[in-house]
Amino acid sequence: MNVWAIDKDIPLKLLLLELVHRYGENTLALNNQEQHFQAIELCAVNEPDISAYIYTFGQNSGRYGIDLKYPISMHNIVGENENLTLDQIIEIISTHLFS
């Protein structure tokens, strides 16, 4: 994934760079259907039914929000994790997608 070629907000690119650095280039898949400039949806390559929707819109500068998606939609966690730091987002992604 060429992070700099993706038309997304700089904080999202920084997050993607950190995730690629930690987990490698071919461990995460980016949902290309997400068209919002300030949002991405990620999943582990081998687990497409479990994903994380990360966004910077509606957040303080340099902060992120994240929605956690599961195969059974009633288990999704939406709107509860907002204004988080980069470290907090990475910790949540690590637990959600790699545990």
C-alpha atoms as a PDB file:
ATOM      1  CA  MET A   1       0.000   0.000   0.000  1.00  0.00           C
ATOM      2  CA  ASN A   2       1.466   3.328  -1.055  1.00  0.00           C
ATOM      3  CA  VAL A   3       0.161   5.487   1.778  1.00  0.00           C
ATOM      4  CA  TRP A   4       1.128   8.770   0.115  1.00  0.00           C
ATOM      5  CA  ALA A   5      -0.847   7.911  -3.037  1.00  0.00           C
ATOM      6  CA  ILE A   6      -4.087   7.557  -1.068  1.00  0.00           C
ATOM      7  CA  ASP A   7      -6.315  10.636  -1.147  1.00  0.00           C
ATOM      8  CA  LYS A   8      -6.867  10.891   2.607  1.00  0.00           C
ATOM      9  CA  ASP A   9      -6.332  13.310   5.484  1.00  0.00           C
ATOM     10  CA  ILE A  10      -2.684  13.585   6.682  1.00  0.00           C
ATOM     11  CA  PRO A  11      -3.439  12.203  10.201  1.00  0.00           C
ATOM     12  CA  LEU A  12      -4.954   9.105   8.562  1.00  0.00           C
ATOM     13  CA  LYS A  13      -1.852   8.701   6.404  1.00  0.00           C
ATOM     14  CA  LEU A  14       0.333   8.948   9.524  1.00  0.00           C
ATOM     15  CA  LEU A  15      -1.774   6.239  11.167  1.00  0.00           C
ATOM     16  CA  LEU A  16      -1.449   4.001   8.094  1.00  0.00           C
ATOM     17  CA  LEU A  17       2.320   4.520   8.018  1.00  0.00           C
ATOM     18  CA  GLU A  18       2.593   3.500  11.663  1.00  0.00           C
ATOM     19  CA  LEU A  19       0.431   0.419  11.119  1.00  0.00           C
ATOM     20  CA  VAL A  20       2.485  -0.645   8.084  1.00  0.00           C
ATOM     21  CA  HIS A  21       5.649  -0.123  10.130  1.00  0.00           C
ATOM     22  CA  ARG A  22       4.324  -2.274  13.002  1.00  0.00           C
ATOM     23  CA  TYR A  23       2.525  -5.028  11.107  1.00  0.00           C
ATOM     24  CA  GLY A  24       4.017  -5.071   7.615  1.00  0.00           C
ATOM     25  CA  GLU A  25       2.714  -4.088   4.208  1.00  0.00           C
ATOM     26  CA  ASN A  26       0.474  -7.047   3.466  1.00  0.00           C
ATOM     27  CA  THR A  27      -1.364  -7.525   6.759  1.00  0.00           C
ATOM     28  CA  LEU A  28      -4.101  -4.895   6.411  1.00  0.00           C
ATOM     29  CA  ALA A  29      -6.628  -4.256   3.658  1.00  0.00           C
ATOM     30  CA  LEU A  30      -8.098  -0.839   2.971  1.00  0.00           C
ATOM     31  CA  ASN A  31     -11.746  -0.687   1.918  1.00  0.00           C
ATOM     32  CA  ASN A  32     -11.562   1.362  -1.270  1.00  0.00           C
ATOM     33  CA  GLN A  33     -15.307   2.034  -1.237  1.00  0.00           C
ATOM     34  CA  GLU A  34     -14.900   4.544   1.617  1.00  0.00           C
ATOM     35  CA  GLN A  35     -14.863   7.852  -0.261  1.00  0.00           C
ATOM     36  CA  HIS A  36     -14.753  10.331   2.641  1.00  0.00           C
ATOM     37  CA  PHE A  37     -11.440  12.243   2.708  1.00  0.00           C
ATOM     38  CA  GLN A  38     -11.305  12.028   6.502  1.00  0.00           C
ATOM     39  CA  ALA A  39     -12.171   8.346   6.945  1.00  0.00           C
ATOM     40  CA  ILE A  40     -10.776   4.888   6.221  1.00  0.00           C
ATOM     41  CA  GLU A  41     -12.009   1.384   6.850  1.00  0.00           C
ATOM     42  CA  LEU A  42      -9.398  -1.292   7.597  1.00  0.00           C
ATOM     43  CA  CYS A  43      -9.485  -5.019   8.144  1.00  0.00           C
ATOM     44  CA  ALA A  44      -6.881  -7.727   8.522  1.00  0.00           C
ATOM     45  CA  VAL A  45      -6.279  -9.392   5.155  1.00  0.00           C
ATOM     46  CA  ASN A  46      -7.406 -12.781   6.484  1.00  0.00           C
ATOM     47  CA  GLU A  47     -10.436 -11.419   8.456  1.00  0.00           C
ATOM     48  CA  PRO A  48     -12.532  -9.168   6.188  1.00  0.00           C
ATOM     49  CA  ASP A  49     -15.650  -9.498   8.385  1.00  0.00           C
ATOM     50  CA  ILE A  50     -13.973  -7.702  11.295  1.00  0.00           C
ATOM     51  CA  SER A  51     -13.046  -4.121  10.509  1.00  0.00           C
ATOM     52  CA  ALA A  52     -12.284  -0.724  11.982  1.00  0.00           C
ATOM     53  CA  TYR A  53     -13.723   2.520  10.612  1.00  0.00           C
ATOM     54  CA  ILE A  54     -11.333   5.320  11.578  1.00  0.00           C
ATOM     55  CA  TYR A  55     -12.173   8.968  11.035  1.00  0.00           C
ATOM     56  CA  THR A  56     -10.885  12.450  11.804  1.00  0.00           C
ATOM     57  CA  PHE A  57     -14.023  14.442  10.946  1.00  0.00           C
ATOM     58  CA  GLY A  58     -15.758  15.869  14.015  1.00  0.00           C
ATOM     59  CA  GLN A  59     -12.636  15.314  16.145  1.00  0.00           C
ATOM     60  CA  ASN A  60     -10.198  17.751  17.706  1.00  0.00           C
ATOM     61  CA  SER A  61      -7.048  18.440  15.678  1.00  0.00           C
ATOM     62  CA  GLY A  62      -4.735  15.424  15.644  1.00  0.00           C
ATOM     63  CA  ARG A  63      -7.398  13.164  17.183  1.00  0.00           C
ATOM     64  CA  TYR A  64      -9.294  10.199  15.830  1.00  0.00           C
ATOM     65  CA  GLY A  65     -12.589   8.415  16.210  1.00  0.00           C
ATOM     66  CA  ILE A  66     -13.033   4.700  15.605  1.00  0.00           C
ATOM     67  CA  ASP A  67     -16.020   2.411  15.086  1.00  0.00           C
ATOM     68  CA  LEU A  68     -15.482  -1.327  15.488  1.00  0.00           C
ATOM     69  CA  LYS A  69     -17.350  -3.632  13.132  1.00  0.00           C
ATOM     70  CA  TYR A  70     -18.094  -7.328  13.685  1.00  0.00           C
ATOM     71  CA  PRO A  71     -19.746 -10.036  11.544  1.00  0.00           C
ATOM     72  CA  ILE A  72     -22.948  -9.652  13.582  1.00  0.00           C
ATOM     73  CA  SER A  73     -23.879  -5.973  13.211  1.00  0.00           C
ATOM     74  CA  MET A  74     -25.654  -5.764  16.583  1.00  0.00           C
ATOM     75  CA  HIS A  75     -22.195  -6.249  18.171  1.00  0.00           C
ATOM     76  CA  ASN A  76     -20.710  -3.233  16.383  1.00  0.00           C
ATOM     77  CA  ILE A  77     -19.345  -0.458  18.587  1.00  0.00           C
ATOM     78  CA  VAL A  78     -20.228   2.873  16.983  1.00  0.00           C
ATOM     79  CA  GLY A  79     -19.682   6.407  18.295  1.00  0.00           C
ATOM     80  CA  GLU A  80     -18.146   5.414  21.629  1.00  0.00           C
ATOM     81  CA  ASN A  81     -14.452   5.965  20.849  1.00  0.00           C
ATOM     82  CA  GLU A  82     -13.812   9.571  19.878  1.00  0.00           C
ATOM     83  CA  ASN A  83     -11.099  12.236  20.257  1.00  0.00           C
ATOM     84  CA  LEU A  84      -8.434   9.580  20.789  1.00  0.00           C
ATOM     85  CA  THR A  85      -4.702   9.991  20.336  1.00  0.00           C
ATOM     86  CA  LEU A  86      -2.693   8.108  17.737  1.00  0.00           C
ATOM     87  CA  ASP A  87      -1.377   5.737  20.423  1.00  0.00           C
ATOM     88  CA  GLN A  88      -4.893   5.019  21.688  1.00  0.00           C
ATOM     89  CA  ILE A  89      -6.165   4.309  18.158  1.00  0.00           C
ATOM     90  CA  ILE A  90      -3.249   1.968  17.458  1.00  0.00           C
ATOM     91  CA  GLU A  91      -3.914   0.083  20.697  1.00  0.00           C
ATOM     92  CA  ILE A  92      -7.601  -0.351  19.805  1.00  0.00           C
ATOM     93  CA  ILE A  93      -6.772  -1.474  16.252  1.00  0.00           C
ATOM     94  CA  SER A  94      -4.177  -3.909  17.554  1.00  0.00           C
ATOM     95  CA  THR A  95      -6.669  -5.480  19.942  1.00  0.00           C
ATOM     96  CA  HIS A  96      -9.583  -5.469  17.513  1.00  0.00           C
ATOM     97  CA  LEU A  97      -7.854  -6.715  14.365  1.00  0.00           C
ATOM     98  CA  PHE A  98      -4.913  -8.738  15.672  1.00  0.00           C
ATOM     99  CA  SER A  99      -6.112 -10.457  18.856  1.00  0.00           C
END
